[in-house]
């Protein structure tokens, strides 16, 4: 397997210019971080999706800054060459630019991550510009924004009508002008995502946004088939580890209950 050279945030635009597609996956711990780096993933995203995937919550909204810092620090300890991007959780950056600087700075200082990601368009431009001016790289996020799910009517495709599509493109250009290093597009019609991608110098990373983006991201546990029953149209499962885990644990439990484990081979003299 050919693994590309280490990626840097300033090098993202150059990767786009060369037509090299970016691979991003969510990651929440050091163990998986080591595995994903060895597999050649370009960027690890410590997403606030951990609030749903690991903590069992119904949305990302109750994720806390301390929660994100704990998991981001764990991921960062598991990699040597792979950039780590951390989601800023709900209300850690929307209240004021000053608070966003303080909280993003804390994330950078306490996790040694490489960038933060935040959701929002034109309203977030001053915040993005202020963070970048202070040496904090930023990734933007448009389309479906999980932290605004109640305002947008649920988990559905965004930008299907003309006005919404125009606004999304304008927001993307504004975020680029403010200094964003890349842009995640979530649940966006493929033609619109391709238009946005063509209009930007910085790369777009899609999730449910079609093949025209410069890269793709998935939630790792979805890709591995660990989140059973979650079957959105955009998701391709590359493994079915849920049944594998149940089978392994079931065989362990049976061996313990019947006395087959531990046996002589697995005991000390």
C-alpha atoms as a PDB file:
ATOM      1  CA  UNK A   1       0.000   0.000   0.000  1.00  0.00           C
ATOM      2  CA  UNK A   2       1.368   3.418  -0.992  1.00  0.00           C
ATOM      3  CA  UNK A   3       1.181   5.915   1.890  1.00  0.00           C
ATOM      4  CA  UNK A   4       1.454   9.632   1.008  1.00  0.00           C
ATOM      5  CA  UNK A   5       3.950  11.867   2.842  1.00  0.00           C
ATOM      6  CA  UNK A   6       2.820  13.513   6.096  1.00  0.00           C
ATOM      7  CA  UNK A   7       0.130  16.120   5.572  1.00  0.00           C
ATOM      8  CA  UNK A   8       0.250  19.620   7.049  1.00  0.00           C
ATOM      9  CA  UNK A   9      -2.649  22.045   7.320  1.00  0.00           C
ATOM     10  CA  UNK A  10      -0.891  24.642   5.122  1.00  0.00           C
ATOM     11  CA  UNK A  11      -0.389  21.855   2.578  1.00  0.00           C
ATOM     12  CA  UNK A  12      -4.085  21.123   2.127  1.00  0.00           C
ATOM     13  CA  UNK A  13      -4.576  23.595  -0.717  1.00  0.00           C
ATOM     14  CA  UNK A  14      -1.540  22.180  -2.516  1.00  0.00           C
ATOM     15  CA  UNK A  15      -2.982  18.677  -2.239  1.00  0.00           C
ATOM     16  CA  UNK A  16      -6.201  19.962  -3.802  1.00  0.00           C
ATOM     17  CA  UNK A  17      -4.297  21.703  -6.598  1.00  0.00           C
ATOM     18  CA  UNK A  18      -2.557  18.419  -7.429  1.00  0.00           C
ATOM     19  CA  UNK A  19      -5.882  16.602  -7.511  1.00  0.00           C
ATOM     20  CA  UNK A  20      -4.991  14.358  -4.577  1.00  0.00           C
ATOM     21  CA  UNK A  21      -8.059  13.203  -2.668  1.00  0.00           C
ATOM     22  CA  UNK A  22      -8.095  13.451   1.113  1.00  0.00           C
ATOM     23  CA  UNK A  23      -9.115  10.679   3.492  1.00  0.00           C
ATOM     24  CA  UNK A  24     -10.542  11.710   6.865  1.00  0.00           C
ATOM     25  CA  UNK A  25     -12.034   9.516   9.586  1.00  0.00           C
ATOM     26  CA  UNK A  26     -13.362  10.239  13.045  1.00  0.00           C
ATOM     27  CA  UNK A  27     -11.281   8.898  15.886  1.00  0.00           C
ATOM     28  CA  UNK A  28     -11.797   9.032  19.642  1.00  0.00           C
ATOM     29  CA  UNK A  29      -8.910   7.089  21.250  1.00  0.00           C
ATOM     30  CA  UNK A  30      -5.224   6.244  20.960  1.00  0.00           C
ATOM     31  CA  UNK A  31      -5.735   2.603  19.981  1.00  0.00           C
ATOM     32  CA  UNK A  32      -7.743   3.390  16.863  1.00  0.00           C
ATOM     33  CA  UNK A  33      -5.524   6.402  16.144  1.00  0.00           C
ATOM     34  CA  UNK A  34      -2.509   4.112  15.783  1.00  0.00           C
ATOM     35  CA  UNK A  35      -4.427   1.763  13.506  1.00  0.00           C
ATOM     36  CA  UNK A  36      -5.758   4.559  11.291  1.00  0.00           C
ATOM     37  CA  UNK A  37      -2.352   6.183  10.947  1.00  0.00           C
ATOM     38  CA  UNK A  38      -0.851   2.823   9.940  1.00  0.00           C
ATOM     39  CA  UNK A  39      -3.609   2.484   7.324  1.00  0.00           C
ATOM     40  CA  UNK A  40      -2.616   5.816   5.758  1.00  0.00           C
ATOM     41  CA  UNK A  41      -5.556   8.028   6.767  1.00  0.00           C
ATOM     42  CA  UNK A  42      -4.707  11.675   6.008  1.00  0.00           C
ATOM     43  CA  UNK A  43      -6.609  13.463   8.806  1.00  0.00           C
ATOM     44  CA  UNK A  44      -8.143  12.287  12.073  1.00  0.00           C
ATOM     45  CA  UNK A  45     -11.232  14.159  13.253  1.00  0.00           C
ATOM     46  CA  UNK A  46     -12.101  14.044  16.924  1.00  0.00           C
ATOM     47  CA  UNK A  47     -15.746  14.721  16.210  1.00  0.00           C
ATOM     48  CA  UNK A  48     -18.381  15.748  18.700  1.00  0.00           C
ATOM     49  CA  UNK A  49     -20.183  12.716  17.255  1.00  0.00           C
ATOM     50  CA  UNK A  50     -18.419  10.924  20.103  1.00  0.00           C
ATOM     51  CA  UNK A  51     -21.273  12.184  22.251  1.00  0.00           C
ATOM     52  CA  UNK A  52     -23.597   9.885  20.308  1.00  0.00           C
ATOM     53  CA  UNK A  53     -21.237   7.058  19.358  1.00  0.00           C
ATOM     54  CA  UNK A  54     -19.478   6.610  22.707  1.00  0.00           C
ATOM     55  CA  UNK A  55     -21.640   8.390  25.284  1.00  0.00           C
ATOM     56  CA  UNK A  56     -25.010   7.191  23.967  1.00  0.00           C
ATOM     57  CA  UNK A  57     -26.568  10.651  23.683  1.00  0.00           C
ATOM     58  CA  UNK A  58     -29.222  11.477  21.088  1.00  0.00           C
ATOM     59  CA  UNK A  59     -27.305  14.400  19.552  1.00  0.00           C
ATOM     60  CA  UNK A  60     -23.990  16.232  19.679  1.00  0.00           C
ATOM     61  CA  UNK A  61     -25.438  19.180  21.583  1.00  0.00           C
ATOM     62  CA  UNK A  62     -24.489  18.100  25.099  1.00  0.00           C
ATOM     63  CA  UNK A  63     -20.841  17.381  24.283  1.00  0.00           C
ATOM     64  CA  UNK A  64     -18.574  19.369  26.584  1.00  0.00           C
ATOM     65  CA  UNK A  65     -15.203  21.021  26.111  1.00  0.00           C
ATOM     66  CA  UNK A  66     -13.653  18.754  28.746  1.00  0.00           C
ATOM     67  CA  UNK A  67     -15.050  15.712  26.950  1.00  0.00           C
ATOM     68  CA  UNK A  68     -13.570  16.813  23.629  1.00  0.00           C
ATOM     69  CA  UNK A  69     -10.197  17.619  25.207  1.00  0.00           C
ATOM     70  CA  UNK A  70      -9.970  14.227  26.931  1.00  0.00           C
ATOM     71  CA  UNK A  71     -10.594  12.285  23.721  1.00  0.00           C
ATOM     72  CA  UNK A  72      -8.495  14.586  21.533  1.00  0.00           C
ATOM     73  CA  UNK A  73      -5.502  14.230  23.852  1.00  0.00           C
ATOM     74  CA  UNK A  74      -5.908  10.450  23.706  1.00  0.00           C
ATOM     75  CA  UNK A  75      -5.983  10.475  19.896  1.00  0.00           C
ATOM     76  CA  UNK A  76      -2.981  12.781  19.681  1.00  0.00           C
ATOM     77  CA  UNK A  77      -0.923  10.425  21.854  1.00  0.00           C
ATOM     78  CA  UNK A  78      -1.643   7.642  19.368  1.00  0.00           C
ATOM     79  CA  UNK A  79      -0.182   9.301  16.266  1.00  0.00           C
ATOM     80  CA  UNK A  80       3.177  10.627  15.125  1.00  0.00           C
ATOM     81  CA  UNK A  81       2.526  12.047  11.645  1.00  0.00           C
ATOM     82  CA  UNK A  82      -1.210  12.426  11.123  1.00  0.00           C
ATOM     83  CA  UNK A  83      -2.922  15.813  11.664  1.00  0.00           C
ATOM     84  CA  UNK A  84      -5.596  15.775  14.353  1.00  0.00           C
ATOM     85  CA  UNK A  85      -8.589  18.123  14.046  1.00  0.00           C
ATOM     86  CA  UNK A  86     -10.947  18.676  16.989  1.00  0.00           C
ATOM     87  CA  UNK A  87     -14.578  19.754  16.868  1.00  0.00           C
ATOM     88  CA  UNK A  88     -15.394  22.735  19.056  1.00  0.00           C
ATOM     89  CA  UNK A  89     -18.554  21.697  20.903  1.00  0.00           C
ATOM     90  CA  UNK A  90     -21.858  23.555  21.023  1.00  0.00           C
ATOM     91  CA  UNK A  91     -21.695  26.965  22.765  1.00  0.00           C
ATOM     92  CA  UNK A  92     -17.922  26.859  23.122  1.00  0.00           C
ATOM     93  CA  UNK A  93     -17.481  29.305  20.212  1.00  0.00           C
ATOM     94  CA  UNK A  94     -20.884  30.849  19.390  1.00  0.00           C
ATOM     95  CA  UNK A  95     -21.255  33.153  22.406  1.00  0.00           C
ATOM     96  CA  UNK A  96     -18.449  35.575  21.517  1.00  0.00           C
ATOM     97  CA  UNK A  97     -15.236  35.788  19.561  1.00  0.00           C
ATOM     98  CA  UNK A  98     -13.295  36.205  22.800  1.00  0.00           C
ATOM     99  CA  UNK A  99     -14.754  33.024  24.262  1.00  0.00           C
ATOM    100  CA  UNK A 100     -14.071  31.148  21.038  1.00  0.00           C
ATOM    101  CA  UNK A 101     -10.416  32.213  21.159  1.00  0.00           C
ATOM    102  CA  UNK A 102     -10.122  31.138  24.785  1.00  0.00           C
ATOM    103  CA  UNK A 103     -11.761  27.746  24.267  1.00  0.00           C
ATOM    104  CA  UNK A 104     -10.014  26.956  20.977  1.00  0.00           C
ATOM    105  CA  UNK A 105      -6.715  27.958  22.533  1.00  0.00           C
ATOM    106  CA  UNK A 106      -7.368  25.633  25.443  1.00  0.00           C
ATOM    107  CA  UNK A 107      -8.085  22.764  23.031  1.00  0.00           C
ATOM    108  CA  UNK A 108      -4.836  23.411  21.161  1.00  0.00           C
ATOM    109  CA  UNK A 109      -2.746  23.770  24.322  1.00  0.00           C
ATOM    110  CA  UNK A 110      -4.161  20.793  26.225  1.00  0.00           C
ATOM    111  CA  UNK A 111      -4.339  18.295  23.347  1.00  0.00           C
ATOM    112  CA  UNK A 112      -1.460  19.294  21.044  1.00  0.00           C
ATOM    113  CA  UNK A 113      -3.902  18.985  18.133  1.00  0.00           C
ATOM    114  CA  UNK A 114      -3.303  20.629  14.764  1.00  0.00           C
ATOM    115  CA  UNK A 115      -6.602  22.445  14.123  1.00  0.00           C
ATOM    116  CA  UNK A 116     -10.143  22.961  15.332  1.00  0.00           C
ATOM    117  CA  UNK A 117     -13.399  22.644  13.391  1.00  0.00           C
ATOM    118  CA  UNK A 118     -16.520  24.703  13.844  1.00  0.00           C
ATOM    119  CA  UNK A 119     -19.951  24.860  12.217  1.00  0.00           C
ATOM    120  CA  UNK A 120     -21.578  27.842  10.543  1.00  0.00           C
ATOM    121  CA  UNK A 121     -21.392  30.244   7.638  1.00  0.00           C
ATOM    122  CA  UNK A 122     -21.318  34.030   7.477  1.00  0.00           C
ATOM    123  CA  UNK A 123     -22.047  34.469  11.179  1.00  0.00           C
ATOM    124  CA  UNK A 124     -18.857  32.563  12.019  1.00  0.00           C
ATOM    125  CA  UNK A 125     -16.561  34.498   9.673  1.00  0.00           C
ATOM    126  CA  UNK A 126     -15.308  36.956  12.349  1.00  0.00           C
ATOM    127  CA  UNK A 127     -14.608  34.025  14.669  1.00  0.00           C
ATOM    128  CA  UNK A 128     -12.697  32.073  12.022  1.00  0.00           C
ATOM    129  CA  UNK A 129     -10.654  35.153  11.108  1.00  0.00           C
ATOM    130  CA  UNK A 130      -9.846  35.852  14.763  1.00  0.00           C
ATOM    131  CA  UNK A 131      -8.737  32.277  15.429  1.00  0.00           C
ATOM    132  CA  UNK A 132      -6.581  32.119  12.315  1.00  0.00           C
ATOM    133  CA  UNK A 133      -5.006  35.476  13.164  1.00  0.00           C
ATOM    134  CA  UNK A 134      -3.941  33.978  16.494  1.00  0.00           C
ATOM    135  CA  UNK A 135      -2.298  30.940  14.954  1.00  0.00           C
ATOM    136  CA  UNK A 136      -5.180  28.504  15.373  1.00  0.00           C
ATOM    137  CA  UNK A 137      -5.937  26.663  12.096  1.00  0.00           C
ATOM    138  CA  UNK A 138      -9.666  26.218  11.441  1.00  0.00           C
ATOM    139  CA  UNK A 139     -11.791  23.867   9.349  1.00  0.00           C
ATOM    140  CA  UNK A 140     -15.313  25.007   8.516  1.00  0.00           C
ATOM    141  CA  UNK A 141     -18.491  22.927   8.295  1.00  0.00           C
ATOM    142  CA  UNK A 142     -21.528  23.689   6.108  1.00  0.00           C
ATOM    143  CA  UNK A 143     -24.651  21.906   4.900  1.00  0.00           C
ATOM    144  CA  UNK A 144     -26.202  19.830   7.643  1.00  0.00           C
ATOM    145  CA  UNK A 145     -24.750  21.217  10.855  1.00  0.00           C
ATOM    146  CA  UNK A 146     -25.536  18.781  13.682  1.00  0.00           C
ATOM    147  CA  UNK A 147     -25.270  21.476  16.343  1.00  0.00           C
ATOM    148  CA  UNK A 148     -28.122  23.313  14.557  1.00  0.00           C
ATOM    149  CA  UNK A 149     -30.234  20.248  13.852  1.00  0.00           C
ATOM    150  CA  UNK A 150     -33.313  21.596  15.665  1.00  0.00           C
ATOM    151  CA  UNK A 151     -33.167  24.854  13.713  1.00  0.00           C
ATOM    152  CA  UNK A 152     -32.830  23.132  10.327  1.00  0.00           C
ATOM    153  CA  UNK A 153     -35.639  20.629  10.773  1.00  0.00           C
ATOM    154  CA  UNK A 154     -33.718  17.460  11.497  1.00  0.00           C
ATOM    155  CA  UNK A 155     -31.100  15.365   9.748  1.00  0.00           C
ATOM    156  CA  UNK A 156     -31.931  16.100   6.121  1.00  0.00           C
ATOM    157  CA  UNK A 157     -30.183  17.258   2.971  1.00  0.00           C
ATOM    158  CA  UNK A 158     -29.456  21.000   2.902  1.00  0.00           C
ATOM    159  CA  UNK A 159     -29.214  23.379  -0.069  1.00  0.00           C
ATOM    160  CA  UNK A 160     -31.782  21.817  -2.385  1.00  0.00           C
ATOM    161  CA  UNK A 161     -33.581  25.077  -3.242  1.00  0.00           C
ATOM    162  CA  UNK A 162     -31.992  27.939  -5.138  1.00  0.00           C
ATOM    163  CA  UNK A 163     -31.719  30.440  -2.291  1.00  0.00           C
ATOM    164  CA  UNK A 164     -30.262  27.894   0.106  1.00  0.00           C
ATOM    165  CA  UNK A 165     -27.742  26.741  -2.507  1.00  0.00           C
ATOM    166  CA  UNK A 166     -26.667  30.320  -3.204  1.00  0.00           C
ATOM    167  CA  UNK A 167     -26.264  31.001   0.505  1.00  0.00           C
ATOM    168  CA  UNK A 168     -24.174  27.872   1.021  1.00  0.00           C
ATOM    169  CA  UNK A 169     -21.819  28.859  -1.804  1.00  0.00           C
ATOM    170  CA  UNK A 170     -21.509  32.398  -0.434  1.00  0.00           C
ATOM    171  CA  UNK A 171     -20.816  31.040   3.050  1.00  0.00           C
ATOM    172  CA  UNK A 172     -18.121  28.730   1.679  1.00  0.00           C
ATOM    173  CA  UNK A 173     -16.359  31.577  -0.098  1.00  0.00           C
ATOM    174  CA  UNK A 174     -16.584  33.746   3.017  1.00  0.00           C
ATOM    175  CA  UNK A 175     -15.055  31.041   5.203  1.00  0.00           C
ATOM    176  CA  UNK A 176     -12.217  30.598   2.734  1.00  0.00           C
ATOM    177  CA  UNK A 177     -11.599  34.358   2.706  1.00  0.00           C
ATOM    178  CA  UNK A 178     -11.544  34.335   6.512  1.00  0.00           C
ATOM    179  CA  UNK A 179      -8.681  31.841   6.456  1.00  0.00           C
ATOM    180  CA  UNK A 180     -10.298  28.411   6.855  1.00  0.00           C
ATOM    181  CA  UNK A 181      -7.929  25.596   5.820  1.00  0.00           C
ATOM    182  CA  UNK A 182     -10.656  23.264   4.531  1.00  0.00           C
ATOM    183  CA  UNK A 183     -14.399  22.835   4.578  1.00  0.00           C
ATOM    184  CA  UNK A 184     -16.587  19.856   5.513  1.00  0.00           C
ATOM    185  CA  UNK A 185     -19.795  19.593   3.455  1.00  0.00           C
ATOM    186  CA  UNK A 186     -22.421  17.381   5.064  1.00  0.00           C
ATOM    187  CA  UNK A 187     -25.652  16.176   3.401  1.00  0.00           C
ATOM    188  CA  UNK A 188     -25.439  18.474   0.392  1.00  0.00           C
ATOM    189  CA  UNK A 189     -26.705  17.639  -3.131  1.00  0.00           C
ATOM    190  CA  UNK A 190     -23.840  16.289  -5.220  1.00  0.00           C
ATOM    191  CA  UNK A 191     -24.100  18.984  -7.917  1.00  0.00           C
ATOM    192  CA  UNK A 192     -24.024  21.788  -5.359  1.00  0.00           C
ATOM    193  CA  UNK A 193     -21.071  20.210  -3.545  1.00  0.00           C
ATOM    194  CA  UNK A 194     -19.210  19.975  -6.853  1.00  0.00           C
ATOM    195  CA  UNK A 195     -19.936  23.663  -7.571  1.00  0.00           C
ATOM    196  CA  UNK A 196     -18.667  24.709  -4.169  1.00  0.00           C
ATOM    197  CA  UNK A 197     -15.573  22.549  -4.566  1.00  0.00           C
ATOM    198  CA  UNK A 198     -14.780  24.095  -7.959  1.00  0.00           C
ATOM    199  CA  UNK A 199     -15.207  27.614  -6.571  1.00  0.00           C
ATOM    200  CA  UNK A 200     -12.761  27.166  -3.675  1.00  0.00           C
ATOM    201  CA  UNK A 201      -8.986  27.015  -3.487  1.00  0.00           C
ATOM    202  CA  UNK A 202      -9.190  25.120  -0.194  1.00  0.00           C
ATOM    203  CA  UNK A 203     -10.341  21.496  -0.202  1.00  0.00           C
ATOM    204  CA  UNK A 204     -13.835  20.289   0.570  1.00  0.00           C
ATOM    205  CA  UNK A 205     -14.340  17.072   2.505  1.00  0.00           C
ATOM    206  CA  UNK A 206     -17.726  15.500   1.980  1.00  0.00           C
ATOM    207  CA  UNK A 207     -20.010  13.294   4.011  1.00  0.00           C
ATOM    208  CA  UNK A 208     -23.167  12.609   2.091  1.00  0.00           C
ATOM    209  CA  UNK A 209     -22.113  15.243  -0.461  1.00  0.00           C
ATOM    210  CA  UNK A 210     -21.252  13.098  -3.463  1.00  0.00           C
ATOM    211  CA  UNK A 211     -18.027  12.323  -5.333  1.00  0.00           C
ATOM    212  CA  UNK A 212     -17.217  15.888  -6.429  1.00  0.00           C
ATOM    213  CA  UNK A 213     -15.594  16.867  -3.123  1.00  0.00           C
ATOM    214  CA  UNK A 214     -11.822  16.875  -2.658  1.00  0.00           C
ATOM    215  CA  UNK A 215     -12.023  14.266   0.091  1.00  0.00           C
ATOM    216  CA  UNK A 216     -14.385  12.165   2.146  1.00  0.00           C
ATOM    217  CA  UNK A 217     -15.019  11.591   5.844  1.00  0.00           C
ATOM    218  CA  UNK A 218     -17.029   8.956   7.684  1.00  0.00           C
ATOM    219  CA  UNK A 219     -17.599   8.108  11.312  1.00  0.00           C
ATOM    220  CA  UNK A 220     -15.199   5.228  11.951  1.00  0.00           C
ATOM    221  CA  UNK A 221     -17.706   3.143  13.895  1.00  0.00           C
ATOM    222  CA  UNK A 222     -20.200   3.431  11.025  1.00  0.00           C
ATOM    223  CA  UNK A 223     -17.572   2.339   8.478  1.00  0.00           C
ATOM    224  CA  UNK A 224     -16.701  -0.676  10.646  1.00  0.00           C
ATOM    225  CA  UNK A 225     -20.311  -1.777  11.090  1.00  0.00           C
ATOM    226  CA  UNK A 226     -20.321  -1.219  14.857  1.00  0.00           C
ATOM    227  CA  UNK A 227     -23.291   1.177  14.822  1.00  0.00           C
ATOM    228  CA  UNK A 228     -25.919  -1.340  13.792  1.00  0.00           C
ATOM    229  CA  UNK A 229     -29.263  -0.061  12.548  1.00  0.00           C
ATOM    230  CA  UNK A 230     -27.795   3.199  11.252  1.00  0.00           C
ATOM    231  CA  UNK A 231     -28.177   3.042   7.464  1.00  0.00           C
ATOM    232  CA  UNK A 232     -28.140   6.493   5.803  1.00  0.00           C
ATOM    233  CA  UNK A 233     -27.907   6.523   2.017  1.00  0.00           C
ATOM    234  CA  UNK A 234     -24.371   7.909   1.967  1.00  0.00           C
ATOM    235  CA  UNK A 235     -22.869   5.230   4.240  1.00  0.00           C
ATOM    236  CA  UNK A 236     -20.879   2.311   2.870  1.00  0.00           C
ATOM    237  CA  UNK A 237     -19.894  -0.229   5.507  1.00  0.00           C
ATOM    238  CA  UNK A 238     -16.445  -1.704   4.926  1.00  0.00           C
ATOM    239  CA  UNK A 239     -16.821  -4.301   7.700  1.00  0.00           C
ATOM    240  CA  UNK A 240     -19.556  -5.794   9.886  1.00  0.00           C
ATOM    241  CA  UNK A 241     -17.841  -5.903  13.254  1.00  0.00           C
ATOM    242  CA  UNK A 242     -21.003  -5.726  15.355  1.00  0.00           C
ATOM    243  CA  UNK A 243     -21.841  -9.415  14.819  1.00  0.00           C
ATOM    244  CA  UNK A 244     -18.146 -10.316  15.182  1.00  0.00           C
ATOM    245  CA  UNK A 245     -17.977  -8.644  18.603  1.00  0.00           C
ATOM    246  CA  UNK A 246     -21.190 -10.311  19.781  1.00  0.00           C
ATOM    247  CA  UNK A 247     -19.951 -13.721  18.640  1.00  0.00           C
ATOM    248  CA  UNK A 248     -16.554 -13.353  20.327  1.00  0.00           C
ATOM    249  CA  UNK A 249     -18.020 -12.173  23.627  1.00  0.00           C
ATOM    250  CA  UNK A 250     -20.693 -14.870  23.494  1.00  0.00           C
ATOM    251  CA  UNK A 251     -18.045 -17.607  23.055  1.00  0.00           C
ATOM    252  CA  UNK A 252     -15.995 -16.140  25.923  1.00  0.00           C
ATOM    253  CA  UNK A 253     -19.055 -16.110  28.179  1.00  0.00           C
ATOM    254  CA  UNK A 254     -19.886 -19.714  27.269  1.00  0.00           C
ATOM    255  CA  UNK A 255     -16.316 -20.861  27.979  1.00  0.00           C
ATOM    256  CA  UNK A 256     -16.308 -19.136  31.374  1.00  0.00           C
ATOM    257  CA  UNK A 257     -19.674 -20.602  32.379  1.00  0.00           C
ATOM    258  CA  UNK A 258     -18.738 -24.115  31.327  1.00  0.00           C
ATOM    259  CA  UNK A 259     -15.244 -24.007  32.829  1.00  0.00           C
ATOM    260  CA  UNK A 260     -13.418 -24.286  29.511  1.00  0.00           C
ATOM    261  CA  UNK A 261     -11.633 -20.982  30.180  1.00  0.00           C
ATOM    262  CA  UNK A 262      -9.125 -20.549  31.638  1.00  0.00           C
ATOM    263  CA  UNK A 263      -7.631 -23.964  30.931  1.00  0.00           C
ATOM    264  CA  UNK A 264      -4.145 -25.368  31.552  1.00  0.00           C
ATOM    265  CA  UNK A 265      -2.730 -23.549  28.537  1.00  0.00           C
ATOM    266  CA  UNK A 266      -3.875 -20.187  29.887  1.00  0.00           C
ATOM    267  CA  UNK A 267      -2.861 -20.708  33.552  1.00  0.00           C
ATOM    268  CA  UNK A 268       0.450 -20.189  35.372  1.00  0.00           C
ATOM    269  CA  UNK A 269       2.319 -22.883  37.302  1.00  0.00           C
END
